[in-house]
């Protein structure tokens, strides 16, 4: 208790008081980090003696879907969460933003064309703030790193003795109703229901399960691609990535590039092409413009099809100003009559 009193008396581990009058000399500092199950951050500022003091802490747990996101997406979410929480301190002011991953630091400083529309929307909101990015290693970013790795309630703590005990492997959850054909068989095979088909076993090595969904493993360093079997869901995905507010109406190739980097199904390019054929903006910018084919009609009797045309001419005898041309399509017979007005009637 005495040590705690001494800390308060000496101004040790207590929150500082924000100072708003020296933006250049004592800017606010926002440090963020993302962990497997949560994101966290710290708002700090140097005091009059030049010692950096914390002003406010922030952290929140990730839901099931967010835990399956890539580490890059989690880091961007951590930045957005902390900036929104600390906005009353930093909005409209120049501050320092400390992040750990080099990739996130580069994206925050330079305009990049991202394939994930969610991250692109987040970056639009982040760039509303006036910040200077500062790269910081994880060993120095201890406060934000600790806030992003706080164990959730109900999680079993890891003890030394448990590390030596072999526990049975829990079967992965699989949303079997969302898949059909070979993808359903592959998903069941990954959950433990081994298939006798050698081809299915060989293909199963190219897939994995995440949060009950089937993903195709990437080639190289890309991200896993979620397998989609429902035709309506495929059309919805193509529509959202094509009509989105971020780089929408990019045509067949541009939309296909965005789809193939996130999802997997057979015939993607054909589905994207079919949807773009219904987009008016894409048709206006298309290099190859498709026209409606002609449907000729052949007359089979005289008078079955007659062509009539009205031609304006200089005034002639009797103030005749127009000529009506009539042609029969079957016989080729041509006749013409002069009239005074375009509203006149032929007798």
Protein backbone atom coordinates (compact mmCIF):
# COMPACT_ATOMS: atom_id res chain seq x y z
CA UNK A 1 0.00 0.00 0.00
CA UNK A 2 2.85 2.36 0.82
CA UNK A 3 4.43 1.69 -2.58
CA UNK A 4 1.15 2.59 -4.26
CA UNK A 5 0.96 5.85 -2.30
CA UNK A 6 4.50 6.69 -3.29
CA UNK A 7 3.68 6.11 -6.94
CA UNK A 8 0.79 8.60 -6.79
CA UNK A 9 2.87 11.06 -4.80
CA UNK A 10 5.78 10.98 -7.23
CA UNK A 11 3.60 10.88 -10.34
CA UNK A 12 4.84 7.49 -11.50
CA UNK A 13 2.49 4.99 -13.15
CA UNK A 14 -0.54 7.27 -13.47
CA UNK A 15 -2.24 8.80 -16.48
CA UNK A 16 -0.94 12.14 -17.71
CA UNK A 17 -2.92 15.28 -18.47
CA UNK A 18 -3.34 16.13 -22.19
CA UNK A 19 -1.69 19.35 -23.35
CA UNK A 20 -3.18 20.95 -26.49
CA UNK A 21 -1.12 24.14 -26.88
CA UNK A 22 2.15 22.74 -28.29
CA UNK A 23 1.34 20.56 -31.30
CA UNK A 24 4.88 20.69 -32.69
CA UNK A 25 6.86 20.20 -29.48
CA UNK A 26 4.51 17.82 -27.66
CA UNK A 27 2.37 16.00 -30.25
CA UNK A 28 0.00 13.23 -29.32
CA UNK A 29 1.31 9.71 -29.98
CA UNK A 30 -0.95 6.79 -30.98
CA UNK A 31 0.56 3.29 -30.83
CA UNK A 32 -1.46 0.31 -32.09
CA UNK A 33 -1.05 -3.44 -32.38
CA UNK A 34 -3.14 -6.48 -33.27
CA UNK A 35 -3.07 -9.96 -31.78
CA UNK A 36 -4.74 -13.27 -32.58
CA UNK A 37 -7.93 -12.50 -30.61
CA UNK A 38 -7.94 -8.75 -29.93
CA UNK A 39 -6.64 -5.34 -30.97
CA UNK A 40 -5.30 -2.61 -28.72
CA UNK A 41 -3.66 0.79 -28.64
CA UNK A 42 -2.28 3.57 -26.48
CA UNK A 43 -2.61 7.36 -26.57
CA UNK A 44 0.39 9.08 -24.98
CA UNK A 45 2.16 12.44 -24.86
CA UNK A 46 5.37 13.86 -23.42
CA UNK A 47 5.06 15.90 -20.24
CA UNK A 48 6.84 19.17 -19.45
CA UNK A 49 9.98 17.24 -18.50
CA UNK A 50 10.06 15.33 -21.77
CA UNK A 51 8.91 12.01 -20.30
CA UNK A 52 6.28 10.15 -22.32
CA UNK A 53 3.14 9.47 -20.29
CA UNK A 54 0.03 7.43 -21.19
CA UNK A 55 -3.25 9.32 -21.54
CA UNK A 56 -5.70 6.62 -22.49
CA UNK A 57 -5.80 2.91 -23.34
CA UNK A 58 -8.04 1.07 -25.77
CA UNK A 59 -8.61 -2.60 -26.61
CA UNK A 60 -11.37 -4.86 -27.83
CA UNK A 61 -11.77 -8.53 -28.67
CA UNK A 62 -12.27 -9.80 -32.21
CA UNK A 63 -15.29 -11.80 -33.22
CA UNK A 64 -15.07 -15.20 -34.89
CA UNK A 65 -14.97 -13.81 -38.43
CA UNK A 66 -12.35 -11.17 -37.59
CA UNK A 67 -10.04 -13.74 -36.00
CA UNK A 68 -9.86 -15.53 -39.35
CA UNK A 69 -8.70 -12.38 -41.16
CA UNK A 70 -5.12 -11.87 -42.23
CA UNK A 71 -2.68 -10.19 -39.85
CA UNK A 72 -2.47 -7.21 -42.23
CA UNK A 73 -6.24 -6.66 -42.03
CA UNK A 74 -6.17 -6.95 -38.23
CA UNK A 75 -3.43 -4.31 -38.01
CA UNK A 76 -5.43 -1.88 -40.16
CA UNK A 77 -8.51 -2.55 -38.00
CA UNK A 78 -6.45 -1.78 -34.87
CA UNK A 79 -5.41 1.58 -36.33
CA UNK A 80 -8.98 2.48 -37.28
CA UNK A 81 -10.35 1.42 -33.88
CA UNK A 82 -7.82 3.51 -31.93
CA UNK A 83 -8.18 6.59 -34.14
CA UNK A 84 -11.97 6.54 -33.74
CA UNK A 85 -11.64 6.11 -29.97
CA UNK A 86 -9.05 8.89 -29.55
CA UNK A 87 -10.60 11.21 -32.15
CA UNK A 88 -11.55 13.86 -29.55
CA UNK A 89 -7.84 14.32 -28.83
CA UNK A 90 -6.28 14.00 -32.29
CA UNK A 91 -8.80 14.97 -34.97
CA UNK A 92 -7.63 18.13 -36.71
CA UNK A 93 -4.19 17.93 -35.10
CA UNK A 94 -0.87 16.61 -36.34
CA UNK A 95 0.10 13.52 -34.35
CA UNK A 96 2.45 10.53 -34.51
CA UNK A 97 1.08 7.11 -35.46
CA UNK A 98 3.23 4.16 -34.38
CA UNK A 99 2.68 0.80 -36.03
CA UNK A 100 4.69 -2.40 -36.05
CA UNK A 101 4.35 -4.12 -39.48
CA UNK A 102 6.30 -2.53 -42.31
CA UNK A 103 3.53 -3.35 -44.82
CA UNK A 104 0.92 -1.41 -42.82
CA UNK A 105 3.29 1.53 -42.40
CA UNK A 106 3.83 1.66 -46.16
CA UNK A 107 0.10 1.54 -46.97
CA UNK A 108 -0.65 4.34 -44.49
CA UNK A 109 1.90 6.62 -46.18
CA UNK A 110 1.38 5.77 -49.87
CA UNK A 111 -1.69 5.27 -52.05
CA UNK A 112 -2.08 1.60 -52.91
CA UNK A 113 -4.70 -0.18 -55.03
CA UNK A 114 -6.06 -2.82 -52.64
CA UNK A 115 -8.17 -5.76 -53.68
CA UNK A 116 -10.07 -5.98 -50.39
CA UNK A 117 -12.89 -3.40 -50.47
CA UNK A 118 -13.23 -3.49 -46.67
CA UNK A 119 -9.60 -2.43 -46.10
CA UNK A 120 -9.97 0.23 -48.79
CA UNK A 121 -12.96 1.74 -46.96
CA UNK A 122 -11.05 1.67 -43.69
CA UNK A 123 -8.11 3.50 -45.25
CA UNK A 124 -10.44 6.22 -46.56
CA UNK A 125 -11.53 6.89 -42.97
CA UNK A 126 -7.99 6.67 -41.59
CA UNK A 127 -6.67 9.24 -44.08
CA UNK A 128 -9.12 11.80 -42.72
CA UNK A 129 -6.61 12.26 -39.87
CA UNK A 130 -3.35 14.24 -40.04
CA UNK A 131 -0.60 11.88 -38.88
CA UNK A 132 3.06 11.02 -39.34
CA UNK A 133 3.76 7.29 -39.48
CA UNK A 134 6.53 6.02 -37.24
CA UNK A 135 7.72 2.42 -37.55
CA UNK A 136 8.27 0.75 -34.18
CA UNK A 137 9.39 -2.80 -33.47
CA UNK A 138 7.24 -5.16 -31.44
CA UNK A 139 9.79 -5.33 -28.61
CA UNK A 140 9.45 -1.57 -28.02
CA UNK A 141 5.69 -1.40 -28.55
CA UNK A 142 5.09 -3.29 -25.31
CA UNK A 143 1.96 -1.49 -24.09
CA UNK A 144 -0.08 -1.79 -27.29
CA UNK A 145 1.31 -5.28 -27.81
CA UNK A 146 0.14 -6.34 -24.35
CA UNK A 147 -3.34 -4.85 -24.82
CA UNK A 148 -3.79 -6.80 -28.06
CA UNK A 149 -2.87 -10.09 -26.40
CA UNK A 150 -4.96 -10.02 -23.23
CA UNK A 151 -6.41 -13.55 -22.79
CA UNK A 152 -10.17 -13.81 -23.19
CA UNK A 153 -12.39 -14.82 -20.31
CA UNK A 154 -13.03 -18.53 -20.19
CA UNK A 155 -9.82 -19.44 -21.99
CA UNK A 156 -7.81 -22.12 -20.27
CA UNK A 157 -4.41 -20.85 -19.10
CA UNK A 158 -1.39 -22.70 -20.42
CA UNK A 159 0.67 -24.35 -17.71
CA UNK A 160 4.00 -26.08 -18.02
CA UNK A 161 2.60 -29.50 -17.21
CA UNK A 162 0.00 -29.29 -19.99
CA UNK A 163 2.68 -28.90 -22.62
CA UNK A 164 3.84 -32.47 -22.07
CA UNK A 165 0.40 -34.03 -22.38
CA UNK A 166 -0.94 -35.07 -25.77
CA UNK A 167 -4.56 -34.03 -26.25
CA UNK A 168 -6.84 -35.45 -28.93
CA UNK A 169 -7.14 -33.25 -32.00
CA UNK A 170 -10.51 -31.56 -32.24
CA UNK A 171 -12.29 -32.01 -35.55
CA UNK A 172 -12.75 -28.87 -37.63
CA UNK A 173 -16.27 -27.48 -38.01
CA UNK A 174 -17.65 -27.60 -41.55
CA UNK A 175 -20.79 -25.88 -42.89
CA UNK A 176 -21.71 -28.78 -45.13
CA UNK A 177 -25.00 -27.27 -46.37
CA UNK A 178 -23.13 -24.49 -48.19
CA UNK A 179 -21.22 -26.86 -50.44
CA UNK A 180 -22.02 -29.52 -53.00
CA UNK A 181 -20.27 -31.98 -55.27
CA UNK A 182 -16.59 -32.60 -54.79
CA UNK A 183 -16.22 -29.57 -52.49
CA UNK A 184 -18.59 -31.12 -49.96
CA UNK A 185 -16.62 -34.38 -50.12
CA UNK A 186 -13.33 -32.53 -49.68
CA UNK A 187 -14.69 -30.59 -46.70
CA UNK A 188 -15.94 -33.74 -45.00
CA UNK A 189 -12.58 -35.38 -45.68
CA UNK A 190 -10.82 -32.51 -43.89
CA UNK A 191 -13.09 -32.88 -40.85
CA UNK A 192 -12.03 -36.47 -40.38
CA UNK A 193 -14.45 -38.42 -42.55
CA UNK A 194 -11.76 -39.82 -44.79
CA UNK A 195 -12.74 -40.48 -48.39
CA UNK A 196 -11.73 -43.63 -50.24
CA UNK A 197 -11.44 -41.72 -53.51
CA UNK A 198 -7.73 -41.20 -54.22
CA UNK A 199 -8.47 -38.17 -56.37
CA UNK A 200 -10.35 -36.48 -53.50
CA UNK A 201 -7.47 -37.22 -51.12
CA UNK A 202 -5.00 -35.68 -53.53
CA UNK A 203 -7.13 -32.56 -54.07
CA UNK A 204 -7.80 -32.16 -50.33
CA UNK A 205 -4.17 -31.10 -49.85
CA UNK A 206 -5.01 -27.92 -51.79
CA UNK A 207 -7.80 -26.90 -49.39
CA UNK A 208 -8.24 -25.98 -45.72
CA UNK A 209 -11.08 -25.14 -43.31
CA UNK A 210 -11.54 -21.80 -41.56
CA UNK A 211 -14.54 -21.00 -39.35
CA UNK A 212 -16.53 -23.73 -41.06
CA UNK A 213 -15.83 -22.51 -44.59
CA UNK A 214 -13.72 -24.25 -47.22
CA UNK A 215 -10.75 -22.32 -48.58
CA UNK A 216 -8.40 -23.10 -51.44
CA UNK A 217 -4.77 -22.75 -50.45
CA UNK A 218 -2.90 -20.01 -52.33
CA UNK A 219 -0.09 -20.53 -54.78
CA UNK A 220 2.92 -18.75 -53.33
CA UNK A 221 2.43 -16.00 -50.74
CA UNK A 222 -1.18 -15.10 -51.51
CA UNK A 223 -4.15 -15.38 -49.16
CA UNK A 224 -6.52 -18.40 -49.08
CA UNK A 225 -9.51 -18.19 -51.41
CA UNK A 226 -12.98 -18.99 -50.07
CA UNK A 227 -14.82 -21.60 -52.13
CA UNK A 228 -18.32 -20.50 -53.23
CA UNK A 229 -20.85 -22.99 -54.61
CA UNK A 230 -24.17 -21.11 -54.45
CA UNK A 231 -24.90 -19.40 -57.83
CA UNK A 232 -26.79 -16.55 -56.13
CA UNK A 233 -23.90 -15.87 -53.77
CA UNK A 234 -21.50 -15.86 -56.72
CA UNK A 235 -23.60 -13.25 -58.50
CA UNK A 236 -23.80 -11.17 -55.32
CA UNK A 237 -20.01 -11.25 -54.91
CA UNK A 238 -19.44 -10.19 -58.51
CA UNK A 239 -22.01 -7.39 -58.16
CA UNK A 240 -20.47 -6.02 -54.95
CA UNK A 241 -16.92 -6.05 -56.28
CA UNK A 242 -18.02 -4.57 -59.60
CA UNK A 243 -20.42 -1.91 -58.32
CA UNK A 244 -18.44 -1.03 -55.16
CA UNK A 245 -17.59 2.58 -54.25
CA UNK A 246 -13.88 1.76 -54.51
CA UNK A 247 -12.79 1.51 -58.17
CA UNK A 248 -16.19 0.34 -59.38
CA UNK A 249 -17.15 -0.43 -62.99
CA UNK A 250 -13.66 -1.60 -63.92
CA UNK A 251 -14.81 -3.90 -66.71
CA UNK A 252 -14.36 -7.64 -67.08
CA UNK A 253 -10.62 -7.85 -66.47
CA UNK A 254 -10.54 -5.46 -63.52
CA UNK A 255 -13.50 -7.10 -61.80
CA UNK A 256 -12.13 -10.58 -62.45
CA UNK A 257 -8.80 -9.65 -60.84
CA UNK A 258 -10.62 -8.52 -57.69
CA UNK A 259 -12.79 -11.64 -57.56
CA UNK A 260 -10.05 -14.20 -58.16
CA UNK A 261 -7.88 -12.80 -55.36
CA UNK A 262 -10.60 -13.41 -52.75
CA UNK A 263 -12.81 -16.27 -53.93
CA UNK A 264 -12.64 -19.52 -55.86
CA UNK A 265 -15.12 -21.30 -58.10
CA UNK A 266 -14.95 -22.76 -61.56
CA UNK A 267 -16.02 -20.45 -64.39
CA UNK A 268 -15.26 -17.15 -62.61
CA UNK A 269 -14.26 -15.27 -65.76
CA UNK A 270 -17.44 -16.35 -67.58
CA UNK A 271 -19.65 -15.23 -64.68
CA UNK A 272 -17.88 -11.86 -64.48
CA UNK A 273 -18.23 -11.39 -68.23
CA UNK A 274 -21.95 -12.18 -68.13
CA UNK A 275 -22.52 -9.62 -65.38
CA UNK A 276 -20.47 -6.90 -67.10
CA UNK A 277 -22.59 -7.38 -70.23
CA UNK A 278 -25.51 -5.99 -68.17
CA UNK A 279 -23.54 -2.91 -66.99
CA UNK A 280 -24.24 0.22 -69.05
CA UNK A 281 -20.98 1.94 -68.02
CA UNK A 282 -18.90 -1.08 -69.04
CA UNK A 283 -20.61 -1.24 -72.41
CA UNK A 284 -19.87 2.44 -73.06
CA UNK A 285 -16.15 1.93 -72.38
CA UNK A 286 -15.88 -1.45 -74.14
CA UNK A 287 -13.53 -1.60 -77.14
CA UNK A 288 -15.72 -4.22 -78.82
CA UNK A 289 -19.33 -3.08 -79.00
CA UNK A 290 -21.89 -5.79 -79.73
CA UNK A 291 -24.86 -4.81 -81.90
CA UNK A 292 -28.24 -6.45 -82.26
CA UNK A 293 -28.18 -8.77 -85.33
CA UNK A 294 -30.50 -7.98 -88.24
CA UNK A 295 -33.62 -10.07 -88.82
CA UNK A 296 -34.57 -9.79 -92.54
CA UNK A 297 -38.20 -10.19 -93.57
CA UNK A 298 -39.00 -11.50 -97.07
CA UNK A 299 -42.34 -10.63 -98.63
CA UNK A 300 -44.24 -13.47 -100.35
CA UNK A 301 -46.97 -11.54 -102.22
CA UNK A 302 -47.52 -8.13 -103.81
CA UNK A 303 -48.55 -5.53 -101.28
CA UNK A 304 -47.31 -7.65 -98.37
CA UNK A 305 -44.57 -5.16 -97.58
CA UNK A 306 -44.51 -1.56 -98.88
CA UNK A 307 -41.81 1.07 -98.30
CA UNK A 308 -42.94 4.71 -98.09
CA UNK A 309 -40.69 7.74 -97.86
CA UNK A 310 -41.38 11.49 -97.79
CA UNK A 311 -38.80 13.80 -99.41
CA UNK A 312 -38.83 17.61 -99.19
CA UNK A 313 -38.11 19.33 -102.51
CA UNK A 314 -37.92 22.94 -103.79
CA UNK A 315 -41.31 24.39 -104.60
CA UNK A 316 -42.39 23.58 -108.11
CA UNK A 317 -45.47 23.84 -110.27
CA UNK A 318 -48.58 24.37 -108.17
CA UNK A 319 -46.44 25.02 -105.03
CA UNK A 320 -45.76 21.32 -104.73
CA UNK A 321 -43.12 21.05 -101.98
CA UNK A 322 -42.93 17.30 -101.13
CA UNK A 323 -42.66 14.01 -103.00
CA UNK A 324 -44.05 10.74 -101.64
CA UNK A 325 -42.07 7.70 -102.84
CA UNK A 326 -43.75 4.28 -102.67
CA UNK A 327 -42.07 0.96 -103.44
CA UNK A 328 -43.50 -2.57 -103.32
CA UNK A 329 -41.00 -4.99 -101.75
CA UNK A 330 -42.18 -8.09 -103.66
CA UNK A 331 -42.52 -6.72 -107.24
CA UNK A 332 -40.15 -3.75 -106.99
CA UNK A 333 -42.86 -1.41 -108.42
CA UNK A 334 -42.09 2.26 -107.70
CA UNK A 335 -44.49 5.20 -107.77
CA UNK A 336 -44.27 8.83 -106.67
CA UNK A 337 -46.74 11.66 -106.05
CA UNK A 338 -46.12 15.40 -105.43
CA UNK A 339 -47.93 17.06 -102.52
CA UNK A 340 -47.98 20.58 -101.11
CA UNK A 341 -47.71 19.77 -97.37
CA UNK A 342 -46.33 16.95 -95.24
CA UNK A 343 -49.81 16.62 -93.72
CA UNK A 344 -51.62 16.30 -97.03
CA UNK A 345 -53.57 13.18 -97.93
CA UNK A 346 -53.25 11.20 -101.15
CA UNK A 347 -56.36 10.45 -103.16
